[in-house]
C-alpha atoms as a PDB file:
ATOM      1  CA  MET A   1      95.953 159.531  37.532  1.00  0.00           C
ATOM      2  CA  ILE A   2      94.437 156.735  39.600  1.00  0.00           C
ATOM      3  CA  ARG A   3      93.930 158.982  42.605  1.00  0.00           C
ATOM      4  CA  ARG A   4      92.442 161.743  40.471  1.00  0.00           C
ATOM      5  CA  ALA A   5      90.109 159.276  38.788  1.00  0.00           C
ATOM      6  CA  GLY A   6      88.921 158.052  42.182  1.00  0.00           C
ATOM      7  CA  ILE A   7      88.278 161.607  43.381  1.00  0.00           C
ATOM      8  CA  PHE A   8      86.450 162.402  40.143  1.00  0.00           C
ATOM      9  CA  LEU A   9      84.153 159.375  40.441  1.00  0.00           C
ATOM     10  CA  ALA A  10      83.510 160.058  44.130  1.00  0.00           C
ATOM     11  CA  ALA A  11      82.613 163.670  43.354  1.00  0.00           C
ATOM     12  CA  LEU A  12      80.149 162.592  40.656  1.00  0.00           C
ATOM     13  CA  ILE A  13      78.539 160.069  43.009  1.00  0.00           C
ATOM     14  CA  LEU A  14      78.165 162.727  45.705  1.00  0.00           C
ATOM     15  CA  PHE A  15      76.777 165.258  43.232  1.00  0.00           C
ATOM     16  CA  SER A  16      74.216 162.811  41.820  1.00  0.00           C
ATOM     17  CA  LEU A  17      73.029 162.041  45.360  1.00  0.00           C
ATOM     18  CA  ILE A  18      72.616 165.607  46.587  1.00  0.00           C
ATOM     19  CA  ALA A  19      71.628 167.295  43.300  1.00  0.00           C
ATOM     20  CA  PRO A  20      67.832 167.047  43.819  1.00  0.00           C
ATOM     21  CA  TRP A  21      68.156 168.757  47.199  1.00  0.00           C
ATOM     22  CA  LEU A  22      69.988 171.655  45.557  1.00  0.00           C
ATOM     23  CA  ALA A  23      67.171 172.287  43.072  1.00  0.00           C
ATOM     24  CA  PRO A  24      65.023 175.359  43.858  1.00  0.00           C
ATOM     25  CA  TYR A  25      61.841 173.786  42.426  1.00  0.00           C
ATOM     26  CA  ASP A  26      60.441 170.373  41.638  1.00  0.00           C
ATOM     27  CA  ALA A  27      61.597 169.071  38.258  1.00  0.00           C
ATOM     28  CA  GLY A  28      58.066 168.754  36.869  1.00  0.00           C
ATOM     29  CA  ARG A  29      56.639 171.999  38.190  1.00  0.00           C
ATOM     30  CA  LYS A  30      55.283 174.233  35.433  1.00  0.00           C
ATOM     31  CA  PHE A  31      54.941 178.014  35.487  1.00  0.00           C
ATOM     32  CA  ASP A  32      52.437 178.616  32.689  1.00  0.00           C
ATOM     33  CA  ASP A  33      53.135 182.340  32.433  1.00  0.00           C
ATOM     34  CA  PHE A  34      56.901 181.848  31.972  1.00  0.00           C
ATOM     35  CA  LEU A  35      57.266 179.646  28.900  1.00  0.00           C
ATOM     36  CA  HIS A  36      60.842 179.973  27.612  1.00  0.00           C
ATOM     37  CA  ALA A  37      61.637 182.634  30.189  1.00  0.00           C
ATOM     38  CA  PRO A  38      65.270 183.785  29.842  1.00  0.00           C
ATOM     39  CA  PRO A  39      67.888 183.425  32.595  1.00  0.00           C
ATOM     40  CA  MET A  40      67.669 185.935  35.411  1.00  0.00           C
ATOM     41  CA  PRO A  41      71.196 187.080  36.377  1.00  0.00           C
ATOM     42  CA  PRO A  42      71.554 187.659  40.126  1.00  0.00           C
ATOM     43  CA  HIS A  43      73.183 190.698  41.693  1.00  0.00           C
ATOM     44  CA  LEU A  44      73.845 191.846  45.237  1.00  0.00           C
ATOM     45  CA  ASP A  45      71.496 194.113  47.149  1.00  0.00           C
ATOM     46  CA  GLY A  46      73.693 194.843  50.111  1.00  0.00           C
ATOM     47  CA  LEU A  47      74.801 191.351  51.119  1.00  0.00           C
ATOM     48  CA  ALA A  48      71.723 189.545  49.798  1.00  0.00           C
ATOM     49  CA  PRO A  49      71.704 188.085  46.254  1.00  0.00           C
ATOM     50  CA  VAL A  50      68.560 189.163  44.403  1.00  0.00           C
ATOM     51  CA  VAL A  51      67.153 189.206  40.857  1.00  0.00           C
ATOM     52  CA  HIS A  52      64.785 191.454  38.971  1.00  0.00           C
ATOM     53  CA  PRO A  53      61.527 189.605  38.271  1.00  0.00           C
ATOM     54  CA  LEU A  54      60.424 189.010  34.693  1.00  0.00           C
ATOM     55  CA  VAL A  55      57.413 190.553  33.007  1.00  0.00           C
ATOM     56  CA  LEU A  56      55.892 189.141  29.819  1.00  0.00           C
ATOM     57  CA  ALA A  57      56.255 192.025  27.356  1.00  0.00           C
ATOM     58  CA  ASP A  58      54.959 190.232  24.242  1.00  0.00           C
ATOM     59  CA  ARG A  59      53.063 186.947  24.520  1.00  0.00           C
ATOM     60  CA  LEU A  60      53.135 186.289  20.781  1.00  0.00           C
ATOM     61  CA  GLU A  61      56.914 186.643  20.523  1.00  0.00           C
ATOM     62  CA  GLN A  62      57.379 185.117  23.986  1.00  0.00           C
ATOM     63  CA  ARG A  63      59.513 188.098  24.949  1.00  0.00           C
ATOM     64  CA  PHE A  64      60.237 188.952  28.573  1.00  0.00           C
ATOM     65  CA  GLU A  65      61.662 192.073  30.185  1.00  0.00           C
ATOM     66  CA  ALA A  66      63.137 192.556  33.630  1.00  0.00           C
ATOM     67  CA  ASP A  67      61.092 194.656  36.044  1.00  0.00           C
ATOM     68  CA  ARG A  68      63.866 196.824  37.482  1.00  0.00           C
ATOM     69  CA  SER A  69      61.528 198.598  39.871  1.00  0.00           C
ATOM     70  CA  ARG A  70      61.635 195.672  42.310  1.00  0.00           C
ATOM     71  CA  THR A  71      63.757 192.730  43.331  1.00  0.00           C
ATOM     72  CA  VAL A  72      63.144 189.159  44.454  1.00  0.00           C
ATOM     73  CA  ARG A  73      65.374 187.038  46.654  1.00  0.00           C
ATOM     74  CA  LEU A  74      66.702 183.701  45.463  1.00  0.00           C
ATOM     75  CA  PRO A  75      64.346 180.751  46.091  1.00  0.00           C
ATOM     76  CA  TRP A  76      66.777 179.112  48.549  1.00  0.00           C
ATOM     77  CA  VAL A  77      66.437 182.208  50.768  1.00  0.00           C
ATOM     78  CA  GLN A  78      62.795 183.131  50.248  1.00  0.00           C
ATOM     79  CA  HIS A  79      60.302 181.011  48.331  1.00  0.00           C
ATOM     80  CA  ASP A  80      57.794 183.098  46.385  1.00  0.00           C
ATOM     81  CA  ASP A  81      55.481 180.963  44.233  1.00  0.00           C
ATOM     82  CA  ALA A  82      53.980 184.018  42.556  1.00  0.00           C
ATOM     83  CA  THR A  83      57.366 185.253  41.315  1.00  0.00           C
ATOM     84  CA  PRO A  84      59.618 182.342  40.319  1.00  0.00           C
ATOM     85  CA  VAL A  85      63.343 182.771  39.800  1.00  0.00           C
ATOM     86  CA  PHE A  86      64.966 181.142  36.772  1.00  0.00           C
ATOM     87  CA  LEU A  87      68.732 181.394  37.064  1.00  0.00           C
ATOM     88  CA  LEU A  88      69.172 179.272  33.905  1.00  0.00           C
ATOM     89  CA  GLY A  89      65.862 180.183  32.286  1.00  0.00           C
ATOM     90  CA  ALA A  90      62.774 178.066  31.672  1.00  0.00           C
ATOM     91  CA  ASP A  91      61.910 175.487  29.012  1.00  0.00           C
ATOM     92  CA  ASP A  92      58.936 175.293  26.624  1.00  0.00           C
ATOM     93  CA  PHE A  93      56.664 174.091  29.447  1.00  0.00           C
ATOM     94  CA  GLY A  94      57.718 176.818  31.868  1.00  0.00           C
ATOM     95  CA  ARG A  95      59.834 174.437  33.953  1.00  0.00           C
ATOM     96  CA  ASP A  96      62.966 175.702  35.652  1.00  0.00           C
ATOM     97  CA  VAL A  97      66.003 174.576  33.636  1.00  0.00           C
ATOM     98  CA  LEU A  98      68.306 174.630  36.675  1.00  0.00           C
ATOM     99  CA  SER A  99      65.983 172.390  38.682  1.00  0.00           C
ATOM    100  CA  ARG A 100      65.602 169.931  35.812  1.00  0.00           C
ATOM    101  CA  LEU A 101      69.353 169.992  35.224  1.00  0.00           C
ATOM    102  CA  LEU A 102      69.990 169.024  38.845  1.00  0.00           C
ATOM    103  CA  PHE A 103      67.266 166.378  38.931  1.00  0.00           C
ATOM    104  CA  GLY A 104      68.503 165.135  35.565  1.00  0.00           C
ATOM    105  CA  ALA A 105      71.978 164.707  37.016  1.00  0.00           C
ATOM    106  CA  ARG A 106      70.589 162.126  39.422  1.00  0.00           C
ATOM    107  CA  THR A 107      68.931 160.255  36.555  1.00  0.00           C
ATOM    108  CA  SER A 108      71.698 160.437  33.947  1.00  0.00           C
ATOM    109  CA  ILE A 109      74.714 160.156  36.234  1.00  0.00           C
ATOM    110  CA  GLY A 110      72.952 157.662  38.506  1.00  0.00           C
ATOM    111  CA  LEU A 111      72.105 155.370  35.588  1.00  0.00           C
ATOM    112  CA  SER A 112      75.637 155.654  34.222  1.00  0.00           C
ATOM    113  CA  LEU A 113      77.169 154.932  37.630  1.00  0.00           C
ATOM    114  CA  VAL A 114      75.032 151.800  38.075  1.00  0.00           C
ATOM    115  CA  ALA A 115      75.892 150.603  34.564  1.00  0.00           C
ATOM    116  CA  THR A 116      79.586 151.384  35.107  1.00  0.00           C
ATOM    117  CA  LEU A 117      79.637 149.488  38.400  1.00  0.00           C
ATOM    118  CA  GLY A 118      77.930 146.496  36.787  1.00  0.00           C
ATOM    119  CA  ALA A 119      80.231 146.495  33.755  1.00  0.00           C
ATOM    120  CA  VAL A 120      83.337 146.771  35.945  1.00  0.00           C
ATOM    121  CA  LEU A 121      82.150 144.027  38.306  1.00  0.00           C
ATOM    122  CA  ILE A 122      81.199 141.542  35.569  1.00  0.00           C
ATOM    123  CA  GLY A 123      84.233 142.427  33.465  1.00  0.00           C
ATOM    124  CA  ALA A 124      86.556 142.011  36.443  1.00  0.00           C
ATOM    125  CA  LEU A 125      85.135 138.605  37.397  1.00  0.00           C
ATOM    126  CA  ALA A 126      85.034 137.301  33.831  1.00  0.00           C
ATOM    127  CA  GLY A 127      88.505 138.585  32.951  1.00  0.00           C
ATOM    128  CA  ALA A 128      90.044 137.365  36.203  1.00  0.00           C
ATOM    129  CA  TRP A 129      88.532 133.891  35.811  1.00  0.00           C
ATOM    130  CA  ALA A 130      89.725 133.689  32.206  1.00  0.00           C
ATOM    131  CA  GLY A 131      93.244 134.799  33.099  1.00  0.00           C
ATOM    132  CA  TYR A 132      93.488 132.507  36.116  1.00  0.00           C
ATOM    133  CA  ARG A 133      92.067 129.329  34.610  1.00  0.00           C
ATOM    134  CA  GLY A 134      93.396 129.638  31.061  1.00  0.00           C
ATOM    135  CA  GLY A 135      92.631 126.896  28.548  1.00  0.00           C
ATOM    136  CA  TRP A 136      89.200 126.604  26.964  1.00  0.00           C
ATOM    137  CA  ILE A 137      87.599 128.810  29.634  1.00  0.00           C
ATOM    138  CA  ASP A 138      89.952 131.649  28.738  1.00  0.00           C
ATOM    139  CA  GLU A 139      89.340 131.072  25.045  1.00  0.00           C
ATOM    140  CA  ALA A 140      85.541 131.015  25.386  1.00  0.00           C
ATOM    141  CA  ILE A 141      85.302 134.160  27.519  1.00  0.00           C
ATOM    142  CA  MET A 142      87.699 136.116  25.304  1.00  0.00           C
ATOM    143  CA  ARG A 143      85.908 135.099  22.105  1.00  0.00           C
ATOM    144  CA  VAL A 144      82.599 136.324  23.544  1.00  0.00           C
ATOM    145  CA  ALA A 145      84.301 139.560  24.570  1.00  0.00           C
ATOM    146  CA  ASP A 146      85.856 139.947  21.111  1.00  0.00           C
ATOM    147  CA  PHE A 147      82.463 139.403  19.476  1.00  0.00           C
ATOM    148  CA  VAL A 148      80.900 142.211  21.541  1.00  0.00           C
ATOM    149  CA  LEU A 149      83.881 144.517  20.989  1.00  0.00           C
ATOM    150  CA  VAL A 150      83.766 144.314  17.192  1.00  0.00           C
ATOM    151  CA  LEU A 151      80.122 145.398  17.140  1.00  0.00           C
ATOM    152  CA  PRO A 152      79.376 149.134  16.747  1.00  0.00           C
ATOM    153  CA  VAL A 153      78.414 149.904  20.335  1.00  0.00           C
ATOM    154  CA  ILE A 154      75.947 152.724  19.813  1.00  0.00           C
ATOM    155  CA  TYR A 155      74.029 150.745  17.163  1.00  0.00           C
ATOM    156  CA  VAL A 156      73.916 147.697  19.413  1.00  0.00           C
ATOM    157  CA  VAL A 157      72.497 149.843  22.221  1.00  0.00           C
ATOM    158  CA  LEU A 158      69.886 151.328  19.885  1.00  0.00           C
ATOM    159  CA  VAL A 159      68.831 147.926  18.529  1.00  0.00           C
ATOM    160  CA  LEU A 160      68.625 146.298  21.961  1.00  0.00           C
ATOM    161  CA  ARG A 161      66.495 149.154  23.263  1.00  0.00           C
ATOM    162  CA  ALA A 162      64.335 149.335  20.135  1.00  0.00           C
ATOM    163  CA  VAL A 163      63.256 145.693  20.397  1.00  0.00           C
ATOM    164  CA  LEU A 164      61.818 146.377  23.848  1.00  0.00           C
ATOM    165  CA  PRO A 165      58.421 148.052  24.395  1.00  0.00           C
ATOM    166  CA  LEU A 166      58.649 151.797  23.838  1.00  0.00           C
ATOM    167  CA  VAL A 167      56.250 152.817  26.628  1.00  0.00           C
ATOM    168  CA  LEU A 168      57.645 151.676  29.953  1.00  0.00           C
ATOM    169  CA  PRO A 169      57.717 153.071  33.510  1.00  0.00           C
ATOM    170  CA  ALA A 170      60.778 155.141  34.330  1.00  0.00           C
ATOM    171  CA  SER A 171      62.030 152.561  36.849  1.00  0.00           C
ATOM    172  CA  THR A 172      61.800 149.803  34.235  1.00  0.00           C
ATOM    173  CA  VAL A 173      63.635 151.950  31.688  1.00  0.00           C
ATOM    174  CA  PHE A 174      66.360 152.565  34.272  1.00  0.00           C
ATOM    175  CA  VAL A 175      66.907 148.844  34.883  1.00  0.00           C
ATOM    176  CA  LEU A 176      66.701 147.786  31.232  1.00  0.00           C
ATOM    177  CA  VAL A 177      69.003 150.506  29.922  1.00  0.00           C
ATOM    178  CA  ALA A 178      71.498 149.827  32.719  1.00  0.00           C
ATOM    179  CA  TRP A 179      71.634 146.145  31.712  1.00  0.00           C
ATOM    180  CA  ILE A 180      72.068 147.060  28.058  1.00  0.00           C
ATOM    181  CA  PHE A 181      75.016 149.278  28.962  1.00  0.00           C
ATOM    182  CA  ILE A 182      76.506 146.516  31.115  1.00  0.00           C
ATOM    183  CA  VAL A 183      76.251 144.020  28.250  1.00  0.00           C
ATOM    184  CA  VAL A 184      78.183 146.274  25.861  1.00  0.00           C
ATOM    185  CA  GLY A 185      80.623 147.565  28.478  1.00  0.00           C
ATOM    186  CA  TRP A 186      82.008 144.556  30.334  1.00  0.00           C
ATOM    187  CA  PRO A 187      84.375 143.326  27.543  1.00  0.00           C
ATOM    188  CA  PHE A 188      86.405 146.555  27.719  1.00  0.00           C
ATOM    189  CA  VAL A 189      87.148 145.761  31.358  1.00  0.00           C
ATOM    190  CA  ALA A 190      87.588 141.998  30.949  1.00  0.00           C
ATOM    191  CA  LYS A 191      90.322 142.186  28.305  1.00  0.00           C
ATOM    192  CA  GLY A 192      92.652 144.246  30.492  1.00  0.00           C
ATOM    193  CA  VAL A 193      91.916 142.284  33.664  1.00  0.00           C
ATOM    194  CA  ARG A 194      92.600 139.006  31.887  1.00  0.00           C
ATOM    195  CA  ALA A 195      96.022 140.241  30.730  1.00  0.00           C
ATOM    196  CA  ILE A 196      96.978 141.435  34.230  1.00  0.00           C
ATOM    197  CA  VAL A 197      95.810 138.242  35.960  1.00  0.00           C
ATOM    198  CA  ALA A 198      97.582 136.035  33.408  1.00  0.00           C
ATOM    199  CA  VAL A 199     100.840 137.670  34.485  1.00  0.00           C
ATOM    200  CA  GLU A 200     100.097 137.941  38.201  1.00  0.00           C
ATOM    201  CA  ARG A 201      99.052 134.299  38.660  1.00  0.00           C
ATOM    202  CA  GLY A 202     102.696 133.228  38.352  1.00  0.00           C
ATOM    203  CA  ARG A 203     103.925 135.577  41.097  1.00  0.00           C
ATOM    204  CA  GLU A 204     105.232 134.314  44.402  1.00  0.00           C
ATOM    205  CA  TYR A 205     102.363 135.635  46.522  1.00  0.00           C
ATOM    206  CA  VAL A 206      99.825 133.702  44.424  1.00  0.00           C
ATOM    207  CA  GLN A 207     101.887 130.511  44.625  1.00  0.00           C
ATOM    208  CA  ALA A 208     102.187 130.996  48.387  1.00  0.00           C
ATOM    209  CA  ALA A 209      98.398 131.336  48.696  1.00  0.00           C
ATOM    210  CA  GLN A 210      97.932 128.163  46.644  1.00  0.00           C
ATOM    211  CA  SER A 211     100.395 126.244  48.781  1.00  0.00           C
ATOM    212  CA  LEU A 212      98.477 127.293  51.903  1.00  0.00           C
ATOM    213  CA  GLY A 213      95.318 125.771  50.458  1.00  0.00           C
ATOM    214  CA  ALA A 214      93.497 128.941  49.407  1.00  0.00           C
ATOM    215  CA  SER A 215      90.588 128.299  47.049  1.00  0.00           C
ATOM    216  CA  PRO A 216      90.635 129.755  43.526  1.00  0.00           C
ATOM    217  CA  LEU A 217      87.782 132.084  44.463  1.00  0.00           C
ATOM    218  CA  ARG A 218      89.717 133.432  47.453  1.00  0.00           C
ATOM    219  CA  ILE A 219      92.845 133.894  45.352  1.00  0.00           C
ATOM    220  CA  LEU A 220      90.867 135.831  42.762  1.00  0.00           C
ATOM    221  CA  VAL A 221      88.964 138.030  45.216  1.00  0.00           C
ATOM    222  CA  VAL A 222      91.702 138.648  47.771  1.00  0.00           C
ATOM    223  CA  HIS A 223      94.827 138.748  45.608  1.00  0.00           C
ATOM    224  CA  LEU A 224      94.380 138.944  41.850  1.00  0.00           C
ATOM    225  CA  ILE A 225      91.426 141.312  41.388  1.00  0.00           C
ATOM    226  CA  PRO A 226      92.899 143.886  43.831  1.00  0.00           C
ATOM    227  CA  ALA A 227      96.039 143.811  41.672  1.00  0.00           C
ATOM    228  CA  CYS A 228      93.843 145.145  38.854  1.00  0.00           C
ATOM    229  CA  ALA A 229      92.465 148.051  40.923  1.00  0.00           C
ATOM    230  CA  GLY A 230      94.238 150.724  38.898  1.00  0.00           C
ATOM    231  CA  HIS A 231      92.994 149.327  35.601  1.00  0.00           C
ATOM    232  CA  LEU A 232      89.449 148.973  36.936  1.00  0.00           C
ATOM    233  CA  LEU A 233      89.359 152.555  38.168  1.00  0.00           C
ATOM    234  CA  VAL A 234      90.631 153.906  34.861  1.00  0.00           C
ATOM    235  CA  GLN A 235      88.101 151.831  32.907  1.00  0.00           C
ATOM    236  CA  ALA A 236      85.307 153.073  35.158  1.00  0.00           C
ATOM    237  CA  THR A 237      86.379 156.647  34.482  1.00  0.00           C
ATOM    238  CA  LEU A 238      86.247 156.003  30.733  1.00  0.00           C
ATOM    239  CA  LEU A 239      82.953 154.081  30.707  1.00  0.00           C
ATOM    240  CA  LEU A 240      81.026 156.615  32.769  1.00  0.00           C
ATOM    241  CA  PRO A 241      80.959 159.489  30.231  1.00  0.00           C
ATOM    242  CA  ALA A 242      80.332 157.014  27.404  1.00  0.00           C
ATOM    243  CA  PHE A 243      77.222 155.785  29.204  1.00  0.00           C
ATOM    244  CA  ILE A 244      76.095 159.360  29.905  1.00  0.00           C
ATOM    245  CA  LEU A 245      76.338 160.116  26.179  1.00  0.00           C
ATOM    246  CA  ALA A 246      74.506 156.886  25.341  1.00  0.00           C
ATOM    247  CA  GLU A 247      71.647 157.712  27.727  1.00  0.00           C
ATOM    248  CA  ALA A 248      71.385 161.199  26.239  1.00  0.00           C
ATOM    249  CA  THR A 249      71.234 159.681  22.751  1.00  0.00           C
ATOM    250  CA  LEU A 250      68.521 157.180  23.683  1.00  0.00           C
ATOM    251  CA  SER A 251      66.361 159.768  25.433  1.00  0.00           C
ATOM    252  CA  PHE A 252      66.912 162.291  22.653  1.00  0.00           C
ATOM    253  CA  ILE A 253      65.464 159.973  20.018  1.00  0.00           C
ATOM    254  CA  GLY A 254      62.632 158.776  22.264  1.00  0.00           C
ATOM    255  CA  LEU A 255      63.996 155.372  23.299  1.00  0.00           C
ATOM    256  CA  GLY A 256      65.108 156.364  26.789  1.00  0.00           C
ATOM    257  CA  PHE A 257      63.235 157.997  29.645  1.00  0.00           C
ATOM    258  CA  PRO A 258      59.805 159.534  28.917  1.00  0.00           C
ATOM    259  CA  ASP A 259      59.626 163.320  28.827  1.00  0.00           C
ATOM    260  CA  PRO A 260      58.127 163.995  32.298  1.00  0.00           C
ATOM    261  CA  VAL A 261      61.225 162.354  33.787  1.00  0.00           C
ATOM    262  CA  ALA A 262      64.096 164.797  34.121  1.00  0.00           C
ATOM    263  CA  SER A 263      67.233 163.497  32.454  1.00  0.00           C
ATOM    264  CA  TRP A 264      69.824 165.276  30.377  1.00  0.00           C
ATOM    265  CA  GLY A 265      68.674 163.366  27.312  1.00  0.00           C
ATOM    266  CA  THR A 266      64.994 164.301  27.677  1.00  0.00           C
ATOM    267  CA  MET A 267      66.000 167.931  28.230  1.00  0.00           C
ATOM    268  CA  LEU A 268      68.015 167.926  25.011  1.00  0.00           C
ATOM    269  CA  ALA A 269      65.091 166.369  23.156  1.00  0.00           C
ATOM    270  CA  GLY A 270      63.033 169.460  23.992  1.00  0.00           C
ATOM    271  CA  ALA A 271      65.797 171.699  22.650  1.00  0.00           C
ATOM    272  CA  GLY A 272      66.513 169.646  19.558  1.00  0.00           C
ATOM    273  CA  ASN A 273      65.394 172.059  16.866  1.00  0.00           C
ATOM    274  CA  TYR A 274      66.891 175.111  15.215  1.00  0.00           C
ATOM    275  CA  ASN A 275      64.265 177.505  16.560  1.00  0.00           C
ATOM    276  CA  ALA A 276      64.922 176.486  20.164  1.00  0.00           C
ATOM    277  CA  VAL A 277      68.703 176.686  19.773  1.00  0.00           C
ATOM    278  CA  ALA A 278      68.577 180.088  18.071  1.00  0.00           C
ATOM    279  CA  ARG A 279      65.991 181.748  20.324  1.00  0.00           C
ATOM    280  CA  PHE A 280      66.359 179.898  23.607  1.00  0.00           C
ATOM    281  CA  PRO A 281      70.019 178.772  23.889  1.00  0.00           C
ATOM    282  CA  TRP A 282      69.744 178.284  27.658  1.00  0.00           C
ATOM    283  CA  THR A 283      67.815 175.058  27.005  1.00  0.00           C
ATOM    284  CA  LEU A 284      71.157 173.561  25.915  1.00  0.00           C
ATOM    285  CA  ALA A 285      72.405 173.603  29.522  1.00  0.00           C
ATOM    286  CA  PRO A 286      72.489 169.763  29.726  1.00  0.00           C
ATOM    287  CA  ALA A 287      74.744 169.671  26.649  1.00  0.00           C
ATOM    288  CA  VAL A 288      77.190 171.914  28.514  1.00  0.00           C
ATOM    289  CA  ALA A 289      77.045 169.577  31.538  1.00  0.00           C
ATOM    290  CA  ILE A 290      77.725 166.519  29.371  1.00  0.00           C
ATOM    291  CA  PHE A 291      80.564 168.333  27.597  1.00  0.00           C
ATOM    292  CA  ALA A 292      82.134 169.263  30.940  1.00  0.00           C
ATOM    293  CA  ILE A 293      82.086 165.657  32.195  1.00  0.00           C
ATOM    294  CA  VAL A 294      83.520 164.284  28.949  1.00  0.00           C
ATOM    295  CA  LEU A 295      86.224 166.963  28.940  1.00  0.00           C
ATOM    296  CA  LEU A 296      87.217 166.223  32.531  1.00  0.00           C
ATOM    297  CA  THR A 297      87.373 162.521  31.727  1.00  0.00           C
ATOM    298  CA  ASN A 298      89.602 163.103  28.716  1.00  0.00           C
ATOM    299  CA  LEU A 299      91.898 165.281  30.801  1.00  0.00           C
ATOM    300  CA  LEU A 300      92.163 162.501  33.368  1.00  0.00           C
ATOM    301  CA  ALA A 301      92.824 159.903  30.679  1.00  0.00           C
ATOM    302  CA  SER A 302      95.568 162.056  29.165  1.00  0.00           C
ATOM    303  CA  GLN A 303      97.549 161.870  32.408  1.00  0.00           C
ATOM    304  CA  GLN A 304      99.546 158.719  31.717  1.00  0.00           C
ATOM    305  CA  THR A 305     101.936 158.983  34.667  1.00  0.00           C
ATOM    306  CA  PRO A 306     100.701 156.807  37.553  1.00  0.00           C
ATOM    307  CA  ILE A 307     100.817 158.162  41.093  1.00  0.00           C
ATOM    308  CA  ARG A 308     102.880 156.077  43.461  1.00  0.00           C
ATOM    309  CA  ASP A 309     102.085 156.008  47.120  1.00  0.00           C
END
């Protein structure tokens, strides 16, 4: 499980980094004549993948039909601004859903990765220090962690974000929301690390390091925290999808990123009504992406047998 979790996290990091370069169009680009255009399924013309361009058949009903008399190559092969290609359809502003989905992956997954890294780092340091020192330090850190754990996480996130100004630059929202996620996430990591370190501190290799004059900080960083690597990786795998869902919730209700910014939450906010779901189901593409990540995470978590090297 540990190895699979590491591969899964590495794949998400790589995808969030390269996703914007895979997008055929800019996330904010609007095609005014293609509002709510349906997906355009590709097919092969010889060896080249092509699509039939769309024609607006009824502007009032926003109904499109495929022009089967001609074909257009995919935008990665030939860019034609006059005839856009929407493999996953377009939203209510005429923006390409696929492009926004890929740009949104950088925002949503990137934010969740930063928050996960921060929660794991702070949780590991706090839990390791509590487990190593014991006494009142252990008691104080664990009581703070217990206090955060008993709070309903999603409501805490909503309240912390709601007390901040609603209109903020996207970069500021990124930093603030990441810190909110870190605050509510670190106790989940610290509790497990504290338990592992409390056991490991009595092992021979720790006593040997102490006898050689190693400082407590060196013992924690070099010996005890690496002993918690498996637990930290598993906790990171569990926190990541939780933070993705939390970001989607905040943006959906207007407390996250503003609408021009492509994130999976802002995309769902535009599809959050019955009319959009019934008539334009392709706008729910980010919900499918979130579902896929959560499902993969649950499958990883269900594998309880550790892999031994």
